[in-house]
Amino acid sequence: MSKQEPPPYNFIPPPSAPPPYSQAVNGVDPAAPLTPQQPILTAQHIVTTIIPLGPHATHTICPSCGAEVNTKTRTSPGVIAYVSGFIIAALGCWLGCCLIPCCIDECMDTHHYCPACGSYLGRHRR
């Protein structure tokens, strides 16, 4: 058996370090080193607490104007008033008796408003 020599090995090792920046960009130096900037905080973080609104005025802070107020309330007929009126009308009372639930406070929804700026704050449903 004859021994054969291995084929020639033509591997060239890579350079030990990458080229400098000026060589990589064809001799153009950077204008200024990169300096990270702190983010500019322009947004305000507003924390709101949800206050349950009941059938009466509630002491709260208005999310629109930030005033500490007692809410201004208005009432309007709720679902119970309309259903009760429909049932009364279906039973045969056609002489205006079906409108009685629209005059009872326990059948009304309460809407809360800010007295300072007038914004709508919420509703208490019945």
N, C-alpha and C. Protein backbone atom coordinates (compact mmCIF):
# COMPACT_ATOMS: atom_id res chain seq x y z
N MET A 1 0.82 -1.16 0.00
CA MET A 1 0.00 0.00 0.00
C MET A 1 0.87 1.23 0.00
N SER A 2 0.46 2.08 -0.80
CA SER A 2 1.23 3.31 -0.88
C SER A 2 0.50 4.43 -0.16
N LYS A 3 1.27 5.26 0.47
CA LYS A 3 0.68 6.37 1.21
C LYS A 3 0.56 7.56 0.28
N GLN A 4 -0.66 8.16 0.34
CA GLN A 4 -0.88 9.35 -0.48
C GLN A 4 -0.82 10.57 0.43
N GLU A 5 -0.34 11.62 -0.15
CA GLU A 5 -0.26 12.86 0.61
C GLU A 5 -1.63 13.55 0.56
N PRO A 6 -2.02 14.24 1.61
CA PRO A 6 -3.31 14.93 1.59
C PRO A 6 -3.27 16.09 0.60
N PRO A 7 -4.42 16.51 0.13
CA PRO A 7 -4.45 17.64 -0.81
C PRO A 7 -3.96 18.91 -0.12
N PRO A 8 -3.50 19.89 -0.87
CA PRO A 8 -2.98 21.11 -0.25
C PRO A 8 -4.09 21.87 0.48
N TYR A 9 -3.74 22.44 1.58
CA TYR A 9 -4.67 23.17 2.44
C TYR A 9 -4.49 24.65 2.19
N ASN A 10 -5.49 25.34 1.57
CA ASN A 10 -5.37 26.74 1.17
C ASN A 10 -6.17 27.68 2.08
N PHE A 11 -6.33 27.39 3.34
CA PHE A 11 -7.10 28.23 4.25
C PHE A 11 -6.28 29.44 4.67
N ILE A 12 -6.90 30.64 4.56
CA ILE A 12 -6.26 31.88 5.00
C ILE A 12 -7.03 32.36 6.23
N PRO A 13 -6.39 32.53 7.35
CA PRO A 13 -7.11 32.96 8.55
C PRO A 13 -7.61 34.40 8.40
N PRO A 14 -8.78 34.72 9.00
CA PRO A 14 -9.31 36.09 8.91
C PRO A 14 -8.45 37.04 9.74
N PRO A 15 -8.54 38.35 9.45
CA PRO A 15 -7.78 39.30 10.25
C PRO A 15 -8.26 39.27 11.70
N SER A 16 -7.43 39.68 12.60
CA SER A 16 -7.75 39.55 14.02
C SER A 16 -8.80 40.57 14.48
N ALA A 17 -8.96 41.70 13.79
CA ALA A 17 -9.93 42.71 14.19
C ALA A 17 -10.60 43.28 12.94
N PRO A 18 -11.84 43.76 13.07
CA PRO A 18 -12.48 44.38 11.90
C PRO A 18 -11.81 45.71 11.58
N PRO A 19 -12.01 46.21 10.36
CA PRO A 19 -11.37 47.48 9.98
C PRO A 19 -11.95 48.63 10.80
N PRO A 20 -11.19 49.72 10.97
CA PRO A 20 -11.73 50.87 11.69
C PRO A 20 -12.88 51.50 10.91
N TYR A 21 -13.63 52.35 11.60
CA TYR A 21 -14.82 52.97 11.00
C TYR A 21 -14.46 53.79 9.77
N SER A 22 -13.37 54.55 9.84
CA SER A 22 -13.00 55.40 8.71
C SER A 22 -12.69 54.57 7.47
N GLN A 23 -12.13 53.40 7.61
CA GLN A 23 -11.87 52.54 6.45
C GLN A 23 -13.18 51.91 5.96
N ALA A 24 -14.06 51.58 6.89
CA ALA A 24 -15.31 50.92 6.50
C ALA A 24 -16.21 51.86 5.71
N VAL A 25 -16.14 53.18 5.96
CA VAL A 25 -16.99 54.13 5.25
C VAL A 25 -16.17 54.95 4.26
N ASN A 26 -15.12 54.40 3.78
CA ASN A 26 -14.25 55.01 2.77
C ASN A 26 -13.62 56.32 3.23
N GLY A 27 -13.14 56.37 4.44
CA GLY A 27 -12.38 57.52 4.92
C GLY A 27 -13.19 58.67 5.46
N VAL A 28 -14.51 58.53 5.60
CA VAL A 28 -15.34 59.61 6.13
C VAL A 28 -15.49 59.38 7.63
N ASP A 29 -15.06 60.35 8.42
CA ASP A 29 -15.18 60.25 9.87
C ASP A 29 -16.59 60.65 10.29
N PRO A 30 -17.07 60.11 11.41
CA PRO A 30 -18.38 60.53 11.89
C PRO A 30 -18.34 61.98 12.36
N ALA A 31 -19.46 62.70 12.23
CA ALA A 31 -19.52 64.11 12.60
C ALA A 31 -19.43 64.28 14.10
N ALA A 32 -20.13 63.48 14.84
CA ALA A 32 -20.10 63.57 16.30
C ALA A 32 -20.42 62.19 16.85
N PRO A 33 -19.88 61.88 17.99
CA PRO A 33 -20.22 60.58 18.57
C PRO A 33 -21.70 60.54 18.98
N LEU A 34 -22.26 59.37 18.98
CA LEU A 34 -23.67 59.21 19.33
C LEU A 34 -23.84 59.39 20.82
N THR A 35 -24.67 60.33 21.18
CA THR A 35 -24.97 60.54 22.60
C THR A 35 -26.46 60.31 22.80
N PRO A 36 -26.81 59.30 23.57
CA PRO A 36 -28.24 59.04 23.78
C PRO A 36 -28.88 60.18 24.58
N GLN A 37 -30.10 60.53 24.19
CA GLN A 37 -30.81 61.60 24.87
C GLN A 37 -31.90 61.01 25.76
N GLN A 38 -32.19 61.72 26.82
CA GLN A 38 -33.26 61.30 27.71
C GLN A 38 -34.59 61.59 27.01
N PRO A 39 -35.57 60.70 27.13
CA PRO A 39 -36.86 60.97 26.50
C PRO A 39 -37.51 62.19 27.15
N ILE A 40 -38.18 62.97 26.32
CA ILE A 40 -38.88 64.16 26.80
C ILE A 40 -40.26 63.73 27.24
N LEU A 41 -40.58 63.99 28.48
CA LEU A 41 -41.87 63.59 29.03
C LEU A 41 -42.85 64.74 28.86
N THR A 42 -43.75 64.60 27.90
CA THR A 42 -44.73 65.65 27.66
C THR A 42 -46.13 65.21 28.07
N ALA A 43 -46.36 63.91 28.14
CA ALA A 43 -47.70 63.43 28.49
C ALA A 43 -47.87 63.42 30.00
N GLN A 44 -49.04 63.78 30.45
CA GLN A 44 -49.35 63.73 31.86
C GLN A 44 -50.08 62.43 32.15
N HIS A 45 -49.76 61.83 33.25
CA HIS A 45 -50.43 60.61 33.66
C HIS A 45 -51.50 61.00 34.68
N ILE A 46 -52.74 60.74 34.34
CA ILE A 46 -53.86 61.08 35.21
C ILE A 46 -54.42 59.78 35.78
N VAL A 47 -54.47 59.71 37.07
CA VAL A 47 -55.03 58.54 37.74
C VAL A 47 -56.43 58.90 38.19
N THR A 48 -57.40 58.12 37.75
CA THR A 48 -58.78 58.37 38.14
C THR A 48 -59.30 57.20 38.96
N THR A 49 -60.11 57.51 39.91
CA THR A 49 -60.75 56.50 40.72
C THR A 49 -62.23 56.51 40.38
N ILE A 50 -62.76 55.34 40.14
CA ILE A 50 -64.17 55.26 39.79
C ILE A 50 -64.98 55.28 41.08
N ILE A 51 -65.83 56.29 41.20
CA ILE A 51 -66.68 56.44 42.37
C ILE A 51 -68.07 55.98 41.97
N PRO A 52 -68.65 55.07 42.73
CA PRO A 52 -69.99 54.64 42.36
C PRO A 52 -70.97 55.80 42.51
N LEU A 53 -71.74 56.01 41.48
CA LEU A 53 -72.72 57.08 41.47
C LEU A 53 -74.07 56.51 41.87
N GLY A 54 -74.69 57.12 42.85
CA GLY A 54 -75.96 56.63 43.35
C GLY A 54 -77.11 57.51 42.90
N PRO A 55 -78.25 57.35 43.54
CA PRO A 55 -79.42 58.14 43.15
C PRO A 55 -79.36 59.58 43.65
N HIS A 56 -78.38 59.90 44.52
CA HIS A 56 -78.26 61.25 45.06
C HIS A 56 -76.93 61.85 44.63
N ALA A 57 -76.75 63.16 44.87
CA ALA A 57 -75.50 63.84 44.53
C ALA A 57 -74.33 63.18 45.27
N THR A 58 -73.19 63.09 44.60
CA THR A 58 -72.00 62.42 45.14
C THR A 58 -70.84 63.39 45.16
N HIS A 59 -70.04 63.33 46.23
CA HIS A 59 -68.83 64.16 46.33
C HIS A 59 -67.72 63.45 45.55
N THR A 60 -67.14 64.10 44.55
CA THR A 60 -66.13 63.47 43.70
C THR A 60 -65.22 64.53 43.10
N ILE A 61 -64.23 64.08 42.36
CA ILE A 61 -63.34 64.97 41.62
C ILE A 61 -63.67 64.79 40.14
N CYS A 62 -63.93 65.89 39.47
CA CYS A 62 -64.30 65.84 38.05
C CYS A 62 -63.07 65.46 37.22
N PRO A 63 -63.16 64.43 36.37
CA PRO A 63 -62.02 64.06 35.54
C PRO A 63 -61.74 65.07 34.42
N SER A 64 -62.71 65.91 34.08
CA SER A 64 -62.50 66.89 33.00
C SER A 64 -61.77 68.14 33.48
N CYS A 65 -62.26 68.71 34.59
CA CYS A 65 -61.67 69.98 35.04
C CYS A 65 -60.83 69.82 36.31
N GLY A 66 -60.91 68.69 36.99
CA GLY A 66 -60.11 68.43 38.18
C GLY A 66 -60.65 69.08 39.44
N ALA A 67 -61.84 69.64 39.39
CA ALA A 67 -62.42 70.30 40.56
C ALA A 67 -63.05 69.27 41.50
N GLU A 68 -62.95 69.53 42.79
CA GLU A 68 -63.59 68.69 43.79
C GLU A 68 -65.00 69.24 44.00
N VAL A 69 -66.01 68.46 43.61
CA VAL A 69 -67.38 68.97 43.55
C VAL A 69 -68.36 67.96 44.12
N ASN A 70 -69.55 68.46 44.41
CA ASN A 70 -70.72 67.60 44.62
C ASN A 70 -71.48 67.61 43.30
N THR A 71 -71.75 66.44 42.77
CA THR A 71 -72.34 66.36 41.44
C THR A 71 -73.73 66.99 41.40
N LYS A 72 -74.08 67.51 40.25
CA LYS A 72 -75.42 68.04 39.98
C LYS A 72 -76.18 66.90 39.31
N THR A 73 -77.40 66.64 39.76
CA THR A 73 -78.14 65.49 39.24
C THR A 73 -79.39 65.93 38.49
N ARG A 74 -79.75 65.11 37.52
CA ARG A 74 -81.01 65.24 36.78
C ARG A 74 -81.59 63.85 36.64
N THR A 75 -82.88 63.73 36.65
CA THR A 75 -83.50 62.42 36.51
C THR A 75 -84.22 62.33 35.18
N SER A 76 -84.32 61.11 34.69
CA SER A 76 -85.07 60.83 33.47
C SER A 76 -85.67 59.44 33.61
N PRO A 77 -86.77 59.16 32.94
CA PRO A 77 -87.39 57.84 33.06
C PRO A 77 -86.42 56.74 32.63
N GLY A 78 -86.37 55.69 33.46
CA GLY A 78 -85.50 54.57 33.16
C GLY A 78 -86.26 53.42 32.54
N VAL A 79 -85.60 52.30 32.41
CA VAL A 79 -86.20 51.12 31.79
C VAL A 79 -87.40 50.65 32.61
N ILE A 80 -87.29 50.72 33.93
CA ILE A 80 -88.39 50.26 34.79
C ILE A 80 -89.64 51.10 34.53
N ALA A 81 -89.48 52.41 34.35
CA ALA A 81 -90.64 53.28 34.09
C ALA A 81 -91.30 52.91 32.77
N TYR A 82 -90.52 52.65 31.74
CA TYR A 82 -91.10 52.31 30.44
C TYR A 82 -91.78 50.95 30.46
N VAL A 83 -91.16 49.97 31.12
CA VAL A 83 -91.76 48.63 31.19
C VAL A 83 -93.04 48.67 32.01
N SER A 84 -92.99 49.37 33.15
CA SER A 84 -94.19 49.48 33.99
C SER A 84 -95.31 50.18 33.25
N GLY A 85 -95.01 51.25 32.55
CA GLY A 85 -96.03 51.95 31.78
C GLY A 85 -96.63 51.08 30.68
N PHE A 86 -95.79 50.28 30.04
CA PHE A 86 -96.29 49.38 29.00
C PHE A 86 -97.22 48.32 29.59
N ILE A 87 -96.86 47.79 30.76
CA ILE A 87 -97.70 46.77 31.41
C ILE A 87 -99.04 47.37 31.82
N ILE A 88 -99.01 48.59 32.39
CA ILE A 88 -100.26 49.25 32.78
C ILE A 88 -101.13 49.50 31.55
N ALA A 89 -100.52 49.92 30.46
CA ALA A 89 -101.29 50.17 29.23
C ALA A 89 -101.84 48.87 28.66
N ALA A 90 -101.10 47.78 28.79
CA ALA A 90 -101.55 46.49 28.26
C ALA A 90 -102.71 45.94 29.07
N LEU A 91 -102.80 46.34 30.34
CA LEU A 91 -103.90 45.87 31.18
C LEU A 91 -105.20 46.62 30.92
N GLY A 92 -105.14 47.68 30.13
CA GLY A 92 -106.37 48.37 29.74
C GLY A 92 -106.50 49.77 30.31
N CYS A 93 -105.55 50.27 31.02
CA CYS A 93 -105.64 51.64 31.54
C CYS A 93 -105.11 52.60 30.48
N TRP A 94 -106.00 53.21 29.73
CA TRP A 94 -105.60 54.07 28.62
C TRP A 94 -105.75 55.56 28.94
N LEU A 95 -106.19 55.93 30.11
CA LEU A 95 -106.49 57.32 30.41
C LEU A 95 -105.29 58.04 31.05
N GLY A 96 -104.09 57.70 30.70
CA GLY A 96 -102.91 58.38 31.22
C GLY A 96 -102.29 57.69 32.41
N CYS A 97 -102.90 56.63 32.88
CA CYS A 97 -102.34 55.91 34.04
C CYS A 97 -100.99 55.28 33.71
N CYS A 98 -100.76 55.02 32.42
CA CYS A 98 -99.50 54.40 32.03
C CYS A 98 -98.32 55.37 32.19
N LEU A 99 -98.62 56.67 32.40
CA LEU A 99 -97.55 57.66 32.58
C LEU A 99 -97.14 57.83 34.04
N ILE A 100 -97.88 57.22 34.97
CA ILE A 100 -97.57 57.37 36.40
C ILE A 100 -96.15 56.90 36.74
N PRO A 101 -95.64 55.77 36.20
CA PRO A 101 -94.27 55.36 36.54
C PRO A 101 -93.21 56.40 36.15
N CYS A 102 -93.51 57.26 35.19
CA CYS A 102 -92.54 58.28 34.79
C CYS A 102 -92.46 59.43 35.79
N CYS A 103 -93.31 59.42 36.81
CA CYS A 103 -93.30 60.46 37.85
C CYS A 103 -92.79 59.94 39.19
N ILE A 104 -92.50 58.66 39.29
CA ILE A 104 -92.05 58.05 40.54
C ILE A 104 -90.52 58.02 40.55
N ASP A 105 -89.91 58.53 41.63
CA ASP A 105 -88.44 58.61 41.71
C ASP A 105 -87.77 57.23 41.63
N GLU A 106 -88.39 56.20 42.16
CA GLU A 106 -87.78 54.86 42.15
C GLU A 106 -87.73 54.25 40.75
N CYS A 107 -88.40 54.86 39.80
CA CYS A 107 -88.39 54.37 38.41
C CYS A 107 -87.49 55.22 37.51
N MET A 108 -86.82 56.19 38.09
CA MET A 108 -86.04 57.15 37.30
C MET A 108 -84.54 56.83 37.35
N ASP A 109 -83.86 57.06 36.23
CA ASP A 109 -82.39 57.01 36.20
C ASP A 109 -81.86 58.37 36.62
N THR A 110 -80.73 58.39 37.32
CA THR A 110 -80.14 59.64 37.77
C THR A 110 -78.87 59.90 36.97
N HIS A 111 -78.78 61.05 36.33
CA HIS A 111 -77.62 61.45 35.54
C HIS A 111 -76.83 62.47 36.35
N HIS A 112 -75.51 62.27 36.46
CA HIS A 112 -74.64 63.13 37.26
C HIS A 112 -73.81 64.02 36.34
N TYR A 113 -73.73 65.32 36.68
CA TYR A 113 -72.97 66.31 35.92
C TYR A 113 -72.06 67.08 36.87
N CYS A 114 -70.98 67.63 36.34
CA CYS A 114 -70.08 68.49 37.10
C CYS A 114 -70.68 69.90 37.11
N PRO A 115 -70.88 70.51 38.31
CA PRO A 115 -71.43 71.86 38.33
C PRO A 115 -70.41 72.92 37.90
N ALA A 116 -69.11 72.59 37.95
CA ALA A 116 -68.08 73.56 37.57
C ALA A 116 -67.95 73.70 36.05
N CYS A 117 -67.84 72.57 35.35
CA CYS A 117 -67.62 72.63 33.91
C CYS A 117 -68.78 72.07 33.09
N GLY A 118 -69.74 71.41 33.75
CA GLY A 118 -70.91 70.90 33.06
C GLY A 118 -70.71 69.57 32.36
N SER A 119 -69.57 68.90 32.56
CA SER A 119 -69.34 67.64 31.86
C SER A 119 -70.15 66.51 32.48
N TYR A 120 -70.51 65.54 31.66
CA TYR A 120 -71.30 64.39 32.08
C TYR A 120 -70.40 63.41 32.81
N LEU A 121 -70.78 63.02 34.03
CA LEU A 121 -69.94 62.14 34.84
C LEU A 121 -70.43 60.70 34.87
N GLY A 122 -71.70 60.48 34.68
CA GLY A 122 -72.20 59.10 34.68
C GLY A 122 -73.67 59.03 35.00
N ARG A 123 -74.16 57.77 35.11
CA ARG A 123 -75.58 57.55 35.33
C ARG A 123 -75.77 56.43 36.34
N HIS A 124 -76.76 56.60 37.19
CA HIS A 124 -77.21 55.54 38.10
C HIS A 124 -78.50 54.99 37.50
N ARG A 125 -78.46 53.72 37.10
CA ARG A 125 -79.63 53.10 36.46
C ARG A 125 -80.51 52.42 37.49
N ARG A 126 -81.78 52.45 37.20
CA ARG A 126 -82.74 51.74 38.04
C ARG A 126 -83.37 50.63 37.24
